[in-house]
Amino acid sequence: MSDAYEHFQQGQRHLRDGLSAQATVALEKAKRDEPRKTSIREALGIAYYRIHRFAEAEQEFRTVLELAPTNHYAHFVLGRCLEQRNQIGQARGHYKLAVSLRPSNDDYREALERLEARHRDESAA
């Protein structure tokens, strides 16, 4: 088994156990060995998101989308990162892409609806 795979598995275990900061250490090692593996980058992005390192999470999901432009989950989480960073227009665009790629996903649709309602409320105020 490769070092990258071992680090990836360790990072996944840490994520499952709620140890997101520890997961970043293992997943960053895996990324160094396999920088084009979207599964590693996605897991690392999730770990960063969970510890509120939204800029780093955003970068990981942007890279995932460079490698796999139709990854609906990456569009969704990138939208969440952008929303956390108050980049509402960009967030809306990624939520819309996630919904269009996976229209049956309630989480994607609800995130888009919530964001649009928030924007309407702020515009009306």
C-alpha atoms as a PDB file:
ATOM      1  CA  MET A   1       0.000   0.000   0.000  1.00  0.00           C
ATOM      2  CA  SER A   2       1.283   3.477  -0.862  1.00  0.00           C
ATOM      3  CA  ASP A   3       2.067   6.178   1.672  1.00  0.00           C
ATOM      4  CA  ALA A   4      -0.552   8.440   0.078  1.00  0.00           C
ATOM      5  CA  TYR A   5      -3.230   5.791   0.549  1.00  0.00           C
ATOM      6  CA  GLU A   6      -2.215   5.197   4.176  1.00  0.00           C
ATOM      7  CA  HIS A   7      -2.325   8.934   4.910  1.00  0.00           C
ATOM      8  CA  PHE A   8      -5.660   9.255   3.131  1.00  0.00           C
ATOM      9  CA  GLN A   9      -7.146   6.402   5.177  1.00  0.00           C
ATOM     10  CA  GLN A  10      -5.803   7.923   8.384  1.00  0.00           C
ATOM     11  CA  GLY A  11      -7.322  11.286   7.443  1.00  0.00           C
ATOM     12  CA  GLN A  12     -10.667   9.638   6.700  1.00  0.00           C
ATOM     13  CA  ARG A  13     -10.621   7.922  10.109  1.00  0.00           C
ATOM     14  CA  HIS A  14      -9.899  11.236  11.813  1.00  0.00           C
ATOM     15  CA  LEU A  15     -12.788  12.880   9.935  1.00  0.00           C
ATOM     16  CA  ARG A  16     -15.152  10.072  10.968  1.00  0.00           C
ATOM     17  CA  ASP A  17     -14.014  10.492  14.569  1.00  0.00           C
ATOM     18  CA  GLY A  18     -14.588  14.255  14.494  1.00  0.00           C
ATOM     19  CA  LEU A  19     -10.860  15.056  14.609  1.00  0.00           C
ATOM     20  CA  SER A  20     -10.757  17.471  11.709  1.00  0.00           C
ATOM     21  CA  ALA A  21      -7.547  19.277  12.680  1.00  0.00           C
ATOM     22  CA  GLN A  22      -5.698  15.959  12.932  1.00  0.00           C
ATOM     23  CA  ALA A  23      -7.204  14.917   9.605  1.00  0.00           C
ATOM     24  CA  THR A  24      -5.598  17.910   7.889  1.00  0.00           C
ATOM     25  CA  VAL A  25      -2.116  16.687   8.864  1.00  0.00           C
ATOM     26  CA  ALA A  26      -2.582  13.248   7.315  1.00  0.00           C
ATOM     27  CA  LEU A  27      -4.457  14.563   4.285  1.00  0.00           C
ATOM     28  CA  GLU A  28      -1.848  17.235   3.548  1.00  0.00           C
ATOM     29  CA  LYS A  29       0.766  14.452   3.464  1.00  0.00           C
ATOM     30  CA  ALA A  30      -1.419  12.448   1.092  1.00  0.00           C
ATOM     31  CA  LYS A  31      -1.885  15.524  -1.107  1.00  0.00           C
ATOM     32  CA  ARG A  32       1.877  16.021  -1.354  1.00  0.00           C
ATOM     33  CA  ASP A  33       2.203  12.477  -2.717  1.00  0.00           C
ATOM     34  CA  GLU A  34      -0.892  12.585  -4.964  1.00  0.00           C
ATOM     35  CA  PRO A  35      -1.783  16.224  -5.763  1.00  0.00           C
ATOM     36  CA  ARG A  36      -4.222  15.316  -8.554  1.00  0.00           C
ATOM     37  CA  LYS A  37      -6.367  12.912  -6.525  1.00  0.00           C
ATOM     38  CA  THR A  38      -9.756  14.538  -6.106  1.00  0.00           C
ATOM     39  CA  SER A  39     -10.736  12.218  -3.251  1.00  0.00           C
ATOM     40  CA  ILE A  40      -7.788  13.463  -1.194  1.00  0.00           C
ATOM     41  CA  ARG A  41      -8.460  17.104  -2.020  1.00  0.00           C
ATOM     42  CA  GLU A  42     -12.161  16.731  -1.241  1.00  0.00           C
ATOM     43  CA  ALA A  43     -11.462  15.171   2.157  1.00  0.00           C
ATOM     44  CA  LEU A  44      -8.891  17.861   2.922  1.00  0.00           C
ATOM     45  CA  GLY A  45     -11.389  20.549   1.920  1.00  0.00           C
ATOM     46  CA  ILE A  46     -13.965  19.050   4.269  1.00  0.00           C
ATOM     47  CA  ALA A  47     -11.444  18.993   7.117  1.00  0.00           C
ATOM     48  CA  TYR A  48     -10.515  22.622   6.492  1.00  0.00           C
ATOM     49  CA  TYR A  49     -14.186  23.608   6.335  1.00  0.00           C
ATOM     50  CA  ARG A  50     -14.948  21.913   9.636  1.00  0.00           C
ATOM     51  CA  ILE A  51     -12.191  23.855  11.404  1.00  0.00           C
ATOM     52  CA  HIS A  52     -13.366  27.114   9.789  1.00  0.00           C
ATOM     53  CA  ARG A  53     -10.367  27.501   7.507  1.00  0.00           C
ATOM     54  CA  PHE A  54     -12.691  28.562   4.722  1.00  0.00           C
ATOM     55  CA  ALA A  55     -10.077  30.073   2.386  1.00  0.00           C
ATOM     56  CA  GLU A  56      -8.079  26.825   2.385  1.00  0.00           C
ATOM     57  CA  ALA A  57     -11.253  24.775   1.941  1.00  0.00           C
ATOM     58  CA  GLU A  58     -12.246  27.010  -0.961  1.00  0.00           C
ATOM     59  CA  GLN A  59      -8.908  26.419  -2.657  1.00  0.00           C
ATOM     60  CA  GLU A  60      -9.171  22.650  -2.294  1.00  0.00           C
ATOM     61  CA  PHE A  61     -12.650  22.588  -3.810  1.00  0.00           C
ATOM     62  CA  ARG A  62     -11.596  24.905  -6.641  1.00  0.00           C
ATOM     63  CA  THR A  63      -8.806  22.445  -7.419  1.00  0.00           C
ATOM     64  CA  VAL A  64     -11.244  19.528  -7.306  1.00  0.00           C
ATOM     65  CA  LEU A  65     -13.397  21.370  -9.844  1.00  0.00           C
ATOM     66  CA  GLU A  66     -10.402  22.029 -12.102  1.00  0.00           C
ATOM     67  CA  LEU A  67      -9.804  18.276 -12.132  1.00  0.00           C
ATOM     68  CA  ALA A  68     -13.482  17.220 -12.185  1.00  0.00           C
ATOM     69  CA  PRO A  69     -15.735  20.104 -13.322  1.00  0.00           C
ATOM     70  CA  THR A  70     -18.968  18.127 -12.935  1.00  0.00           C
ATOM     71  CA  ASN A  71     -18.399  17.158  -9.295  1.00  0.00           C
ATOM     72  CA  HIS A  72     -21.726  18.288  -7.825  1.00  0.00           C
ATOM     73  CA  TYR A  73     -20.583  17.896  -4.225  1.00  0.00           C
ATOM     74  CA  ALA A  74     -17.513  20.094  -4.823  1.00  0.00           C
ATOM     75  CA  HIS A  75     -19.781  22.812  -6.259  1.00  0.00           C
ATOM     76  CA  PHE A  76     -22.022  22.568  -3.194  1.00  0.00           C
ATOM     77  CA  VAL A  77     -19.243  22.768  -0.613  1.00  0.00           C
ATOM     78  CA  LEU A  78     -17.446  25.489  -2.553  1.00  0.00           C
ATOM     79  CA  GLY A  79     -20.721  27.405  -2.389  1.00  0.00           C
ATOM     80  CA  ARG A  80     -20.780  26.912   1.372  1.00  0.00           C
ATOM     81  CA  CYS A  81     -17.193  28.165   1.659  1.00  0.00           C
ATOM     82  CA  LEU A  82     -17.982  31.221  -0.423  1.00  0.00           C
ATOM     83  CA  GLU A  83     -21.121  31.909   1.581  1.00  0.00           C
ATOM     84  CA  GLN A  84     -19.087  31.766   4.804  1.00  0.00           C
ATOM     85  CA  ARG A  85     -16.712  34.304   3.268  1.00  0.00           C
ATOM     86  CA  ASN A  86     -19.690  36.509   2.273  1.00  0.00           C
ATOM     87  CA  GLN A  87     -19.126  36.043  -1.455  1.00  0.00           C
ATOM     88  CA  ILE A  88     -22.830  35.613  -2.053  1.00  0.00           C
ATOM     89  CA  GLY A  89     -22.929  35.924  -5.846  1.00  0.00           C
ATOM     90  CA  GLN A  90     -20.258  33.292  -6.352  1.00  0.00           C
ATOM     91  CA  ALA A  91     -21.862  31.047  -3.737  1.00  0.00           C
ATOM     92  CA  ARG A  92     -25.208  31.275  -5.532  1.00  0.00           C
ATOM     93  CA  GLY A  93     -23.561  30.273  -8.808  1.00  0.00           C
ATOM     94  CA  HIS A  94     -22.000  27.155  -7.316  1.00  0.00           C
ATOM     95  CA  TYR A  95     -25.218  26.186  -5.525  1.00  0.00           C
ATOM     96  CA  LYS A  96     -27.059  26.518  -8.842  1.00  0.00           C
ATOM     97  CA  LEU A  97     -24.498  24.304 -10.542  1.00  0.00           C
ATOM     98  CA  ALA A  98     -24.802  21.698  -7.784  1.00  0.00           C
ATOM     99  CA  VAL A  99     -28.597  21.719  -8.122  1.00  0.00           C
ATOM    100  CA  SER A 100     -28.429  21.459 -11.907  1.00  0.00           C
ATOM    101  CA  LEU A 101     -25.988  18.547 -11.712  1.00  0.00           C
ATOM    102  CA  ARG A 102     -27.997  16.733  -9.006  1.00  0.00           C
ATOM    103  CA  PRO A 103     -31.584  18.097  -9.012  1.00  0.00           C
ATOM    104  CA  SER A 104     -32.836  15.373  -6.671  1.00  0.00           C
ATOM    105  CA  ASN A 105     -30.534  16.470  -3.822  1.00  0.00           C
ATOM    106  CA  ASP A 106     -32.598  18.295  -1.208  1.00  0.00           C
ATOM    107  CA  ASP A 107     -29.541  19.691   0.613  1.00  0.00           C
ATOM    108  CA  TYR A 108     -28.349  21.469  -2.521  1.00  0.00           C
ATOM    109  CA  ARG A 109     -31.771  22.898  -3.315  1.00  0.00           C
ATOM    110  CA  GLU A 110     -32.374  24.004   0.293  1.00  0.00           C
ATOM    111  CA  ALA A 111     -28.990  25.764   0.443  1.00  0.00           C
ATOM    112  CA  LEU A 112     -29.796  27.682  -2.733  1.00  0.00           C
ATOM    113  CA  GLU A 113     -33.288  28.601  -1.498  1.00  0.00           C
ATOM    114  CA  ARG A 114     -31.942  29.712   1.893  1.00  0.00           C
ATOM    115  CA  LEU A 115     -29.281  31.868   0.261  1.00  0.00           C
ATOM    116  CA  GLU A 116     -31.761  33.467  -2.132  1.00  0.00           C
ATOM    117  CA  ALA A 117     -34.201  34.158   0.733  1.00  0.00           C
ATOM    118  CA  ARG A 118     -31.384  35.754   2.710  1.00  0.00           C
ATOM    119  CA  HIS A 119     -30.484  37.921  -0.253  1.00  0.00           C
ATOM    120  CA  ARG A 120     -34.140  38.982  -0.694  1.00  0.00           C
ATOM    121  CA  ASP A 121     -34.396  39.859   3.006  1.00  0.00           C
ATOM    122  CA  GLU A 122     -31.195  41.925   2.895  1.00  0.00           C
ATOM    123  CA  SER A 123     -32.318  43.710  -0.270  1.00  0.00           C
ATOM    124  CA  ALA A 124     -35.679  44.583   1.267  1.00  0.00           C
ATOM    125  CA  ALA A 125     -34.131  46.018   4.426  1.00  0.00           C
END
